[in-house]
Amino acid sequence: MIWVERRRARIDQLCAGHGIGVEAWQALRRNPAAIAGAAVVAVVALVALLAPVLAPHGSGELIPQLQAQLRPDRIPGPQPGFLLGSDQLGRDLLSRMLLGARQTLAVGTGAMLVSLVLGGALGAVAGACGGRSSTLLMRGTDTVLAIPGLLMAVALALLAARPTAASTIIAVGVVGVPVFARLMCGAVVAQRGSDHVIAATVRGVAPVTVFVRHLLPGVLGPVLVQAPLTLATAVLDVAALAFLGIGDTAPGRAEWGLMLAQAQPYLDVRPMLAAGPAIALVVVVLGCTLLGESLRSGLRPRGRG
């Protein structure tokens, strides 16, 4: 009887969806890499959200004081009132870095959400139906994943009549759909044979309820792991499209990839114009990767004993 009660309690815990979350949180709390990654992501996200308040000037605002100091062989550096100095047109570099964080992260996050929602829904349906649907999805994702992601994003972005933030989100988001679809399909197929799902089905629980209350909590772990990793890739792809001139390149727009492209002719005069956006991209990608890899370790079955 004691064994039965323990087994029933464990099944109830899994059905409630608390087991994996609690154990992963306990593991992540003791992981310095996870703490560092989460801190970086949180700080960058906060800066991006507050960028309009923190930025002392507009992204396209020309400042006469800085323009007066521009020379063919000199771009003003840090000075009172302008912490990072000027860019090549006499705009405040700090303001453009802050507003560029907002633009780059907003588009990257939007692309990641497109991948998660579309890919997750497609994979969940295929995994729940099983049979040929699951097989066709797996073969389709294998085919798409054989194409380099950035190359596909470039091809999709070129289909837009005029590059915009929306076209960039769609181009980069579609690239990530097969990743989440394959991940969700595999997780759903694996969870369909678990004890608590079978028990709920035998009790006559409605299929939709079985999926939402008993199956879905068990498949959220892999998706939670993949989300920050996909965000890191999406941010890089968004910056790459802007660098190539097929992203959101509206006049006066502050975007890290676009800033990198515009700084190329001035690398000898003021390397900071390229170093600033490049370092920011590295920090964001590193933070997302540390968080994602730490979540993977925390949610790994062997890590939960």
C-alpha atoms as a PDB file:
ATOM      1  CA  MET A   1       0.000   0.000   0.000  1.00  0.00           C
ATOM      2  CA  ILE A   2       2.842   2.411   0.763  1.00  0.00           C
ATOM      3  CA  TRP A   3       4.342   1.819  -2.684  1.00  0.00           C
ATOM      4  CA  VAL A   4       0.953   2.456  -4.318  1.00  0.00           C
ATOM      5  CA  GLU A   5       0.513   5.722  -2.421  1.00  0.00           C
ATOM      6  CA  ARG A   6       4.003   6.908  -3.402  1.00  0.00           C
ATOM      7  CA  ARG A   7       3.369   5.967  -7.029  1.00  0.00           C
ATOM      8  CA  ARG A   8       0.058   7.809  -7.025  1.00  0.00           C
ATOM      9  CA  ALA A   9       1.650  10.904  -5.469  1.00  0.00           C
ATOM     10  CA  ARG A  10       4.397  10.903  -8.126  1.00  0.00           C
ATOM     11  CA  ILE A  11       1.839  10.611 -10.942  1.00  0.00           C
ATOM     12  CA  ASP A  12      -0.188  13.467  -9.430  1.00  0.00           C
ATOM     13  CA  GLN A  13       2.972  15.575  -9.247  1.00  0.00           C
ATOM     14  CA  LEU A  14       3.767  14.935 -12.891  1.00  0.00           C
ATOM     15  CA  CYS A  15       0.182  15.614 -13.938  1.00  0.00           C
ATOM     16  CA  ALA A  16       0.280  18.940 -12.154  1.00  0.00           C
ATOM     17  CA  GLY A  17       3.415  19.844 -14.098  1.00  0.00           C
ATOM     18  CA  HIS A  18       5.403  20.848 -10.995  1.00  0.00           C
ATOM     19  CA  GLY A  19       8.072  18.124 -10.835  1.00  0.00           C
ATOM     20  CA  ILE A  20      10.294  19.224 -13.693  1.00  0.00           C
ATOM     21  CA  GLY A  21       9.957  22.937 -12.946  1.00  0.00           C
ATOM     22  CA  VAL A  22      10.810  22.647  -9.262  1.00  0.00           C
ATOM     23  CA  GLU A  23      13.752  20.284  -9.791  1.00  0.00           C
ATOM     24  CA  ALA A  24      15.137  22.408 -12.636  1.00  0.00           C
ATOM     25  CA  TRP A  25      14.851  25.555 -10.511  1.00  0.00           C
ATOM     26  CA  GLN A  26      16.749  23.866  -7.687  1.00  0.00           C
ATOM     27  CA  ALA A  27      19.486  22.841 -10.126  1.00  0.00           C
ATOM     28  CA  LEU A  28      19.732  26.264 -11.771  1.00  0.00           C
ATOM     29  CA  ARG A  29      19.986  28.091  -8.444  1.00  0.00           C
ATOM     30  CA  ARG A  30      23.311  26.351  -7.803  1.00  0.00           C
ATOM     31  CA  ASN A  31      24.654  26.835 -11.341  1.00  0.00           C
ATOM     32  CA  PRO A  32      26.899  29.922 -11.696  1.00  0.00           C
ATOM     33  CA  ALA A  33      26.627  29.814 -15.495  1.00  0.00           C
ATOM     34  CA  ALA A  34      22.839  29.870 -15.280  1.00  0.00           C
ATOM     35  CA  ILE A  35      22.912  32.798 -12.868  1.00  0.00           C
ATOM     36  CA  ALA A  36      25.347  34.712 -15.097  1.00  0.00           C
ATOM     37  CA  GLY A  37      23.321  34.019 -18.240  1.00  0.00           C
ATOM     38  CA  ALA A  38      20.038  34.974 -16.610  1.00  0.00           C
ATOM     39  CA  ALA A  39      21.593  38.164 -15.212  1.00  0.00           C
ATOM     40  CA  VAL A  40      22.948  39.205 -18.626  1.00  0.00           C
ATOM     41  CA  VAL A  41      19.630  38.514 -20.350  1.00  0.00           C
ATOM     42  CA  ALA A  42      17.690  40.353 -17.639  1.00  0.00           C
ATOM     43  CA  VAL A  43      19.950  43.424 -17.724  1.00  0.00           C
ATOM     44  CA  VAL A  44      19.939  43.653 -21.529  1.00  0.00           C
ATOM     45  CA  ALA A  45      16.152  43.183 -21.633  1.00  0.00           C
ATOM     46  CA  LEU A  46      15.686  45.913 -19.014  1.00  0.00           C
ATOM     47  CA  VAL A  47      17.956  48.284 -20.928  1.00  0.00           C
ATOM     48  CA  ALA A  48      16.038  47.582 -24.139  1.00  0.00           C
ATOM     49  CA  LEU A  49      12.680  48.225 -22.471  1.00  0.00           C
ATOM     50  CA  LEU A  50      13.878  51.483 -20.880  1.00  0.00           C
ATOM     51  CA  ALA A  51      15.921  52.641 -23.889  1.00  0.00           C
ATOM     52  CA  PRO A  52      13.600  55.555 -24.791  1.00  0.00           C
ATOM     53  CA  VAL A  53      13.964  56.837 -21.231  1.00  0.00           C
ATOM     54  CA  LEU A  54      17.689  56.137 -20.851  1.00  0.00           C
ATOM     55  CA  ALA A  55      18.747  57.487 -24.264  1.00  0.00           C
ATOM     56  CA  PRO A  56      19.528  61.235 -23.976  1.00  0.00           C
ATOM     57  CA  HIS A  57      18.942  61.809 -27.697  1.00  0.00           C
ATOM     58  CA  GLY A  58      16.968  60.330 -30.576  1.00  0.00           C
ATOM     59  CA  SER A  59      18.488  57.673 -32.808  1.00  0.00           C
ATOM     60  CA  GLY A  60      18.527  59.965 -35.848  1.00  0.00           C
ATOM     61  CA  GLU A  61      19.039  63.271 -34.063  1.00  0.00           C
ATOM     62  CA  LEU A  62      21.918  65.313 -35.484  1.00  0.00           C
ATOM     63  CA  ILE A  63      23.736  67.231 -32.753  1.00  0.00           C
ATOM     64  CA  PRO A  64      25.375  70.511 -33.897  1.00  0.00           C
ATOM     65  CA  GLN A  65      27.995  70.340 -31.144  1.00  0.00           C
ATOM     66  CA  LEU A  66      29.226  67.006 -32.453  1.00  0.00           C
ATOM     67  CA  GLN A  67      28.840  67.901 -36.119  1.00  0.00           C
ATOM     68  CA  ALA A  68      31.102  70.910 -35.610  1.00  0.00           C
ATOM     69  CA  GLN A  69      33.905  68.579 -34.508  1.00  0.00           C
ATOM     70  CA  LEU A  70      33.651  66.185 -37.460  1.00  0.00           C
ATOM     71  CA  ARG A  71      36.682  66.054 -39.740  1.00  0.00           C
ATOM     72  CA  PRO A  72      37.543  63.731 -42.662  1.00  0.00           C
ATOM     73  CA  ASP A  73      40.131  62.039 -40.455  1.00  0.00           C
ATOM     74  CA  ARG A  74      38.478  62.529 -37.065  1.00  0.00           C
ATOM     75  CA  ILE A  75      35.199  61.569 -35.388  1.00  0.00           C
ATOM     76  CA  PRO A  76      34.627  63.009 -31.889  1.00  0.00           C
ATOM     77  CA  GLY A  77      35.200  60.568 -29.055  1.00  0.00           C
ATOM     78  CA  PRO A  78      33.868  60.555 -25.472  1.00  0.00           C
ATOM     79  CA  GLN A  79      33.373  63.979 -23.950  1.00  0.00           C
ATOM     80  CA  PRO A  80      31.177  65.653 -21.309  1.00  0.00           C
ATOM     81  CA  GLY A  81      27.542  65.024 -22.155  1.00  0.00           C
ATOM     82  CA  PHE A  82      28.378  62.307 -24.704  1.00  0.00           C
ATOM     83  CA  LEU A  83      29.698  59.234 -22.936  1.00  0.00           C
ATOM     84  CA  LEU A  84      30.574  57.286 -26.101  1.00  0.00           C
ATOM     85  CA  GLY A  85      31.132  60.250 -28.389  1.00  0.00           C
ATOM     86  CA  SER A  86      29.732  60.706 -31.862  1.00  0.00           C
ATOM     87  CA  ASP A  87      29.066  58.548 -34.887  1.00  0.00           C
ATOM     88  CA  GLN A  88      30.070  59.438 -38.453  1.00  0.00           C
ATOM     89  CA  LEU A  89      27.125  61.856 -38.892  1.00  0.00           C
ATOM     90  CA  GLY A  90      27.292  63.669 -35.555  1.00  0.00           C
ATOM     91  CA  ARG A  91      24.718  61.570 -33.688  1.00  0.00           C
ATOM     92  CA  ASP A  92      25.115  60.456 -30.066  1.00  0.00           C
ATOM     93  CA  LEU A  93      26.603  56.956 -30.150  1.00  0.00           C
ATOM     94  CA  LEU A  94      25.346  56.006 -26.673  1.00  0.00           C
ATOM     95  CA  SER A  95      21.762  56.842 -27.606  1.00  0.00           C
ATOM     96  CA  ARG A  96      22.042  54.798 -30.782  1.00  0.00           C
ATOM     97  CA  MET A  97      23.492  51.836 -28.875  1.00  0.00           C
ATOM     98  CA  LEU A  98      20.623  51.901 -26.358  1.00  0.00           C
ATOM     99  CA  LEU A  99      17.901  52.321 -28.972  1.00  0.00           C
ATOM    100  CA  GLY A 100      19.640  49.753 -31.160  1.00  0.00           C
ATOM    101  CA  ALA A 101      19.324  47.237 -28.327  1.00  0.00           C
ATOM    102  CA  ARG A 102      15.576  47.841 -28.264  1.00  0.00           C
ATOM    103  CA  GLN A 103      15.244  47.389 -32.030  1.00  0.00           C
ATOM    104  CA  THR A 104      17.493  44.343 -32.364  1.00  0.00           C
ATOM    105  CA  LEU A 105      16.077  42.487 -29.364  1.00  0.00           C
ATOM    106  CA  ALA A 106      12.469  43.315 -30.250  1.00  0.00           C
ATOM    107  CA  VAL A 107      12.823  41.906 -33.766  1.00  0.00           C
ATOM    108  CA  GLY A 108      14.855  38.920 -32.532  1.00  0.00           C
ATOM    109  CA  THR A 109      12.313  38.121 -29.810  1.00  0.00           C
ATOM    110  CA  GLY A 110       9.474  38.451 -32.286  1.00  0.00           C
ATOM    111  CA  ALA A 111      11.189  36.013 -34.639  1.00  0.00           C
ATOM    112  CA  MET A 112      11.787  33.554 -31.792  1.00  0.00           C
ATOM    113  CA  LEU A 113       8.106  33.714 -30.788  1.00  0.00           C
ATOM    114  CA  VAL A 114       7.032  33.070 -34.381  1.00  0.00           C
ATOM    115  CA  SER A 115       9.268  29.993 -34.440  1.00  0.00           C
ATOM    116  CA  LEU A 116       8.002  28.788 -31.073  1.00  0.00           C
ATOM    117  CA  VAL A 117       4.287  29.259 -31.739  1.00  0.00           C
ATOM    118  CA  LEU A 118       4.197  27.934 -35.308  1.00  0.00           C
ATOM    119  CA  GLY A 119       6.727  25.160 -34.767  1.00  0.00           C
ATOM    120  CA  GLY A 120       5.277  24.151 -31.408  1.00  0.00           C
ATOM    121  CA  ALA A 121       1.723  23.986 -32.756  1.00  0.00           C
ATOM    122  CA  LEU A 122       2.774  22.016 -35.834  1.00  0.00           C
ATOM    123  CA  GLY A 123       4.863  19.582 -33.807  1.00  0.00           C
ATOM    124  CA  ALA A 124       2.185  19.123 -31.154  1.00  0.00           C
ATOM    125  CA  VAL A 125      -0.479  18.263 -33.730  1.00  0.00           C
ATOM    126  CA  ALA A 126       1.811  15.868 -35.588  1.00  0.00           C
ATOM    127  CA  GLY A 127       2.968  14.205 -32.365  1.00  0.00           C
ATOM    128  CA  ALA A 128      -0.557  13.830 -30.998  1.00  0.00           C
ATOM    129  CA  CYS A 129      -1.877  12.370 -34.253  1.00  0.00           C
ATOM    130  CA  GLY A 130       1.155  10.104 -34.755  1.00  0.00           C
ATOM    131  CA  GLY A 131       1.477   7.764 -37.710  1.00  0.00           C
ATOM    132  CA  ARG A 132       2.194   9.307 -41.096  1.00  0.00           C
ATOM    133  CA  SER A 133       1.785  12.866 -39.802  1.00  0.00           C
ATOM    134  CA  SER A 134       4.714  12.449 -37.432  1.00  0.00           C
ATOM    135  CA  THR A 135       6.830  10.695 -40.059  1.00  0.00           C
ATOM    136  CA  LEU A 136       6.166  13.328 -42.722  1.00  0.00           C
ATOM    137  CA  LEU A 137       6.993  16.117 -40.277  1.00  0.00           C
ATOM    138  CA  MET A 138      10.291  14.528 -39.316  1.00  0.00           C
ATOM    139  CA  ARG A 139      11.308  14.026 -42.959  1.00  0.00           C
ATOM    140  CA  GLY A 140      10.249  17.568 -43.815  1.00  0.00           C
ATOM    141  CA  THR A 141      12.206  19.114 -40.964  1.00  0.00           C
ATOM    142  CA  ASP A 142      15.264  17.046 -41.903  1.00  0.00           C
ATOM    143  CA  THR A 143      15.081  18.493 -45.410  1.00  0.00           C
ATOM    144  CA  VAL A 144      14.681  22.088 -44.233  1.00  0.00           C
ATOM    145  CA  LEU A 145      17.364  21.790 -41.558  1.00  0.00           C
ATOM    146  CA  ALA A 146      19.834  20.685 -44.245  1.00  0.00           C
ATOM    147  CA  ILE A 147      19.702  24.261 -45.588  1.00  0.00           C
ATOM    148  CA  PRO A 148      21.884  26.787 -43.681  1.00  0.00           C
ATOM    149  CA  GLY A 149      19.609  28.949 -41.561  1.00  0.00           C
ATOM    150  CA  LEU A 150      21.103  32.306 -42.522  1.00  0.00           C
ATOM    151  CA  LEU A 151      20.964  31.429 -46.211  1.00  0.00           C
ATOM    152  CA  MET A 152      17.266  30.609 -45.908  1.00  0.00           C
ATOM    153  CA  ALA A 153      16.617  33.823 -43.968  1.00  0.00           C
ATOM    154  CA  VAL A 154      18.351  35.842 -46.689  1.00  0.00           C
ATOM    155  CA  ALA A 155      16.290  34.134 -49.400  1.00  0.00           C
ATOM    156  CA  LEU A 156      13.039  34.773 -47.538  1.00  0.00           C
ATOM    157  CA  ALA A 157      13.963  38.392 -46.764  1.00  0.00           C
ATOM    158  CA  LEU A 158      14.658  39.049 -50.443  1.00  0.00           C
ATOM    159  CA  LEU A 159      11.065  38.075 -51.257  1.00  0.00           C
ATOM    160  CA  ALA A 160       9.768  41.179 -49.463  1.00  0.00           C
ATOM    161  CA  ALA A 161       9.026  44.149 -51.716  1.00  0.00           C
ATOM    162  CA  ARG A 162      10.484  46.493 -49.098  1.00  0.00           C
ATOM    163  CA  PRO A 163      12.563  45.408 -46.100  1.00  0.00           C
ATOM    164  CA  THR A 164      10.749  46.101 -42.819  1.00  0.00           C
ATOM    165  CA  ALA A 165      10.827  44.860 -39.249  1.00  0.00           C
ATOM    166  CA  ALA A 166       7.840  42.607 -40.019  1.00  0.00           C
ATOM    167  CA  SER A 167       9.518  41.011 -43.032  1.00  0.00           C
ATOM    168  CA  THR A 168      12.644  40.395 -40.952  1.00  0.00           C
ATOM    169  CA  ILE A 169      10.620  38.776 -38.162  1.00  0.00           C
ATOM    170  CA  ILE A 170       8.884  36.478 -40.649  1.00  0.00           C
ATOM    171  CA  ALA A 171      12.099  35.561 -42.502  1.00  0.00           C
ATOM    172  CA  VAL A 172      14.058  34.751 -39.349  1.00  0.00           C
ATOM    173  CA  GLY A 173      11.062  33.204 -37.564  1.00  0.00           C
ATOM    174  CA  VAL A 174      10.299  30.741 -40.360  1.00  0.00           C
ATOM    175  CA  VAL A 175      13.890  29.473 -40.190  1.00  0.00           C
ATOM    176  CA  GLY A 176      13.358  28.363 -36.586  1.00  0.00           C
ATOM    177  CA  VAL A 177       9.997  26.655 -37.137  1.00  0.00           C
ATOM    178  CA  PRO A 178      11.445  23.217 -38.069  1.00  0.00           C
ATOM    179  CA  VAL A 179      13.575  23.181 -34.899  1.00  0.00           C
ATOM    180  CA  PHE A 180      10.606  23.657 -32.563  1.00  0.00           C
ATOM    181  CA  ALA A 181       8.349  21.421 -34.670  1.00  0.00           C
ATOM    182  CA  ARG A 182      10.766  18.507 -34.522  1.00  0.00           C
ATOM    183  CA  LEU A 183      11.439  19.097 -30.826  1.00  0.00           C
ATOM    184  CA  MET A 184       7.772  19.304 -29.867  1.00  0.00           C
ATOM    185  CA  CYS A 185       6.774  16.318 -32.023  1.00  0.00           C
ATOM    186  CA  GLY A 186       9.439  14.105 -30.447  1.00  0.00           C
ATOM    187  CA  ALA A 187       8.541  15.233 -26.927  1.00  0.00           C
ATOM    188  CA  VAL A 188       4.810  14.635 -27.463  1.00  0.00           C
ATOM    189  CA  VAL A 189       5.415  11.164 -28.913  1.00  0.00           C
ATOM    190  CA  ALA A 190       7.617  10.295 -25.916  1.00  0.00           C
ATOM    191  CA  GLN A 191       5.089  11.621 -23.388  1.00  0.00           C
ATOM    192  CA  ARG A 192       2.144   9.786 -24.965  1.00  0.00           C
ATOM    193  CA  GLY A 193       3.412   6.535 -23.490  1.00  0.00           C
ATOM    194  CA  SER A 194       4.030   7.868 -19.978  1.00  0.00           C
ATOM    195  CA  ASP A 195       2.088   6.483 -17.018  1.00  0.00           C
ATOM    196  CA  HIS A 196       0.099   9.592 -16.102  1.00  0.00           C
ATOM    197  CA  VAL A 197      -1.055  10.194 -19.694  1.00  0.00           C
ATOM    198  CA  ILE A 198      -2.145   6.559 -20.086  1.00  0.00           C
ATOM    199  CA  ALA A 199      -3.892   6.678 -16.712  1.00  0.00           C
ATOM    200  CA  ALA A 200      -5.799   9.845 -17.671  1.00  0.00           C
ATOM    201  CA  THR A 201      -6.802   8.310 -21.007  1.00  0.00           C
ATOM    202  CA  VAL A 202      -8.017   5.095 -19.336  1.00  0.00           C
ATOM    203  CA  ARG A 203     -10.127   7.133 -16.905  1.00  0.00           C
ATOM    204  CA  GLY A 204     -11.972   8.579 -19.910  1.00  0.00           C
ATOM    205  CA  VAL A 205     -10.611  12.127 -19.685  1.00  0.00           C
ATOM    206  CA  ALA A 206     -11.332  14.171 -22.812  1.00  0.00           C
ATOM    207  CA  PRO A 207      -8.425  14.174 -25.323  1.00  0.00           C
ATOM    208  CA  VAL A 208      -8.069  17.965 -25.185  1.00  0.00           C
ATOM    209  CA  THR A 209      -7.885  17.856 -21.381  1.00  0.00           C
ATOM    210  CA  VAL A 210      -5.357  15.034 -21.501  1.00  0.00           C
ATOM    211  CA  PHE A 211      -3.178  17.079 -23.823  1.00  0.00           C
ATOM    212  CA  VAL A 212      -3.420  20.381 -21.919  1.00  0.00           C
ATOM    213  CA  ARG A 213      -3.293  19.129 -18.310  1.00  0.00           C
ATOM    214  CA  HIS A 214      -1.314  15.905 -18.487  1.00  0.00           C
ATOM    215  CA  LEU A 215       0.801  15.879 -21.653  1.00  0.00           C
ATOM    216  CA  LEU A 216       1.710  19.528 -22.248  1.00  0.00           C
ATOM    217  CA  PRO A 217       3.503  20.142 -18.895  1.00  0.00           C
ATOM    218  CA  GLY A 218       5.841  17.259 -19.668  1.00  0.00           C
ATOM    219  CA  VAL A 219       6.905  18.654 -23.062  1.00  0.00           C
ATOM    220  CA  LEU A 220       7.528  22.236 -21.970  1.00  0.00           C
ATOM    221  CA  GLY A 221      11.023  21.401 -20.717  1.00  0.00           C
ATOM    222  CA  PRO A 222      12.675  20.936 -24.135  1.00  0.00           C
ATOM    223  CA  VAL A 223      10.874  24.011 -25.489  1.00  0.00           C
ATOM    224  CA  LEU A 224      12.026  26.060 -22.501  1.00  0.00           C
ATOM    225  CA  VAL A 225      15.601  24.973 -23.196  1.00  0.00           C
ATOM    226  CA  GLN A 226      15.421  25.771 -26.910  1.00  0.00           C
ATOM    227  CA  ALA A 227      13.836  29.235 -26.547  1.00  0.00           C
ATOM    228  CA  PRO A 228      16.932  31.175 -25.342  1.00  0.00           C
ATOM    229  CA  LEU A 229      19.172  29.257 -27.762  1.00  0.00           C
ATOM    230  CA  THR A 230      16.877  30.165 -30.650  1.00  0.00           C
ATOM    231  CA  LEU A 231      16.786  33.768 -29.418  1.00  0.00           C
ATOM    232  CA  ALA A 232      20.581  33.932 -29.630  1.00  0.00           C
ATOM    233  CA  THR A 233      20.506  32.670 -33.224  1.00  0.00           C
ATOM    234  CA  ALA A 234      17.617  34.986 -34.115  1.00  0.00           C
ATOM    235  CA  VAL A 235      19.428  38.069 -32.809  1.00  0.00           C
ATOM    236  CA  LEU A 236      22.484  37.182 -34.892  1.00  0.00           C
ATOM    237  CA  ASP A 237      20.368  36.559 -37.999  1.00  0.00           C
ATOM    238  CA  VAL A 238      18.487  39.837 -37.544  1.00  0.00           C
ATOM    239  CA  ALA A 239      21.775  41.726 -37.257  1.00  0.00           C
ATOM    240  CA  ALA A 240      23.165  39.866 -40.273  1.00  0.00           C
ATOM    241  CA  LEU A 241      20.174  40.792 -42.453  1.00  0.00           C
ATOM    242  CA  ALA A 242      20.498  44.441 -41.454  1.00  0.00           C
ATOM    243  CA  PHE A 243      24.244  44.307 -42.103  1.00  0.00           C
ATOM    244  CA  LEU A 244      23.557  42.996 -45.619  1.00  0.00           C
ATOM    245  CA  GLY A 245      21.000  45.740 -46.234  1.00  0.00           C
ATOM    246  CA  ILE A 246      17.949  43.463 -46.448  1.00  0.00           C
ATOM    247  CA  GLY A 247      16.704  43.957 -42.910  1.00  0.00           C
ATOM    248  CA  ASP A 248      14.909  46.964 -41.445  1.00  0.00           C
ATOM    249  CA  THR A 249      17.105  49.773 -42.841  1.00  0.00           C
ATOM    250  CA  ALA A 250      14.767  52.749 -42.395  1.00  0.00           C
ATOM    251  CA  PRO A 251      16.595  56.120 -42.388  1.00  0.00           C
ATOM    252  CA  GLY A 252      17.842  57.037 -38.925  1.00  0.00           C
ATOM    253  CA  ARG A 253      17.090  53.550 -37.599  1.00  0.00           C
ATOM    254  CA  ALA A 254      19.388  52.375 -34.807  1.00  0.00           C
ATOM    255  CA  GLU A 255      20.003  48.650 -35.195  1.00  0.00           C
ATOM    256  CA  TRP A 256      23.224  46.892 -34.220  1.00  0.00           C
ATOM    257  CA  GLY A 257      23.723  45.083 -37.521  1.00  0.00           C
ATOM    258  CA  LEU A 258      23.008  48.240 -39.506  1.00  0.00           C
ATOM    259  CA  MET A 259      25.385  50.207 -37.290  1.00  0.00           C
ATOM    260  CA  LEU A 260      28.099  47.641 -38.006  1.00  0.00           C
ATOM    261  CA  ALA A 261      27.575  48.031 -41.743  1.00  0.00           C
ATOM    262  CA  GLN A 262      27.634  51.827 -41.582  1.00  0.00           C
ATOM    263  CA  ALA A 263      30.849  51.787 -39.526  1.00  0.00           C
ATOM    264  CA  GLN A 264      32.912  49.851 -42.090  1.00  0.00           C
ATOM    265  CA  PRO A 265      34.344  52.911 -43.936  1.00  0.00           C
ATOM    266  CA  TYR A 266      35.394  54.468 -40.618  1.00  0.00           C
ATOM    267  CA  LEU A 267      37.221  51.577 -38.936  1.00  0.00           C
ATOM    268  CA  ASP A 268      40.591  53.358 -39.235  1.00  0.00           C
ATOM    269  CA  VAL A 269      39.176  56.646 -37.963  1.00  0.00           C
ATOM    270  CA  ARG A 270      37.063  55.373 -35.041  1.00  0.00           C
ATOM    271  CA  PRO A 271      36.954  51.600 -34.410  1.00  0.00           C
ATOM    272  CA  MET A 272      34.456  52.108 -31.573  1.00  0.00           C
ATOM    273  CA  LEU A 273      31.687  52.609 -34.137  1.00  0.00           C
ATOM    274  CA  ALA A 274      31.951  48.904 -35.017  1.00  0.00           C
ATOM    275  CA  ALA A 275      33.286  47.596 -31.696  1.00  0.00           C
ATOM    276  CA  GLY A 276      30.271  48.830 -29.705  1.00  0.00           C
ATOM    277  CA  PRO A 277      27.557  46.953 -31.634  1.00  0.00           C
ATOM    278  CA  ALA A 278      29.826  43.915 -32.067  1.00  0.00           C
ATOM    279  CA  ILE A 279      30.503  43.633 -28.327  1.00  0.00           C
ATOM    280  CA  ALA A 280      26.805  44.121 -27.561  1.00  0.00           C
ATOM    281  CA  LEU A 281      25.876  41.267 -29.896  1.00  0.00           C
ATOM    282  CA  VAL A 282      28.485  38.988 -28.332  1.00  0.00           C
ATOM    283  CA  VAL A 283      27.203  39.756 -24.822  1.00  0.00           C
ATOM    284  CA  VAL A 284      23.568  39.051 -25.741  1.00  0.00           C
ATOM    285  CA  VAL A 285      24.390  35.809 -27.557  1.00  0.00           C
ATOM    286  CA  LEU A 286      26.656  34.658 -24.719  1.00  0.00           C
ATOM    287  CA  GLY A 287      23.990  35.373 -22.102  1.00  0.00           C
ATOM    288  CA  CYS A 288      21.274  33.518 -24.031  1.00  0.00           C
ATOM    289  CA  THR A 289      23.584  30.575 -24.704  1.00  0.00           C
ATOM    290  CA  LEU A 290      24.650  30.265 -21.062  1.00  0.00           C
ATOM    291  CA  LEU A 291      21.024  30.359 -19.943  1.00  0.00           C
ATOM    292  CA  GLY A 292      19.902  27.824 -22.547  1.00  0.00           C
ATOM    293  CA  GLU A 293      22.713  25.362 -21.897  1.00  0.00           C
ATOM    294  CA  SER A 294      22.193  25.643 -18.145  1.00  0.00           C
ATOM    295  CA  LEU A 295      18.478  24.952 -18.566  1.00  0.00           C
ATOM    296  CA  ARG A 296      19.386  21.905 -20.658  1.00  0.00           C
ATOM    297  CA  SER A 297      21.561  20.569 -17.836  1.00  0.00           C
ATOM    298  CA  GLY A 298      18.894  21.294 -15.221  1.00  0.00           C
ATOM    299  CA  LEU A 299      16.100  19.648 -17.181  1.00  0.00           C
ATOM    300  CA  ARG A 300      18.118  16.619 -18.297  1.00  0.00           C
ATOM    301  CA  PRO A 301      16.574  13.437 -16.887  1.00  0.00           C
ATOM    302  CA  ARG A 302      19.811  12.144 -15.405  1.00  0.00           C
ATOM    303  CA  GLY A 303      20.216  15.468 -13.629  1.00  0.00           C
ATOM    304  CA  ARG A 304      16.917  14.892 -11.834  1.00  0.00           C
ATOM    305  CA  GLY A 305      17.922  11.582 -10.402  1.00  0.00           C
END
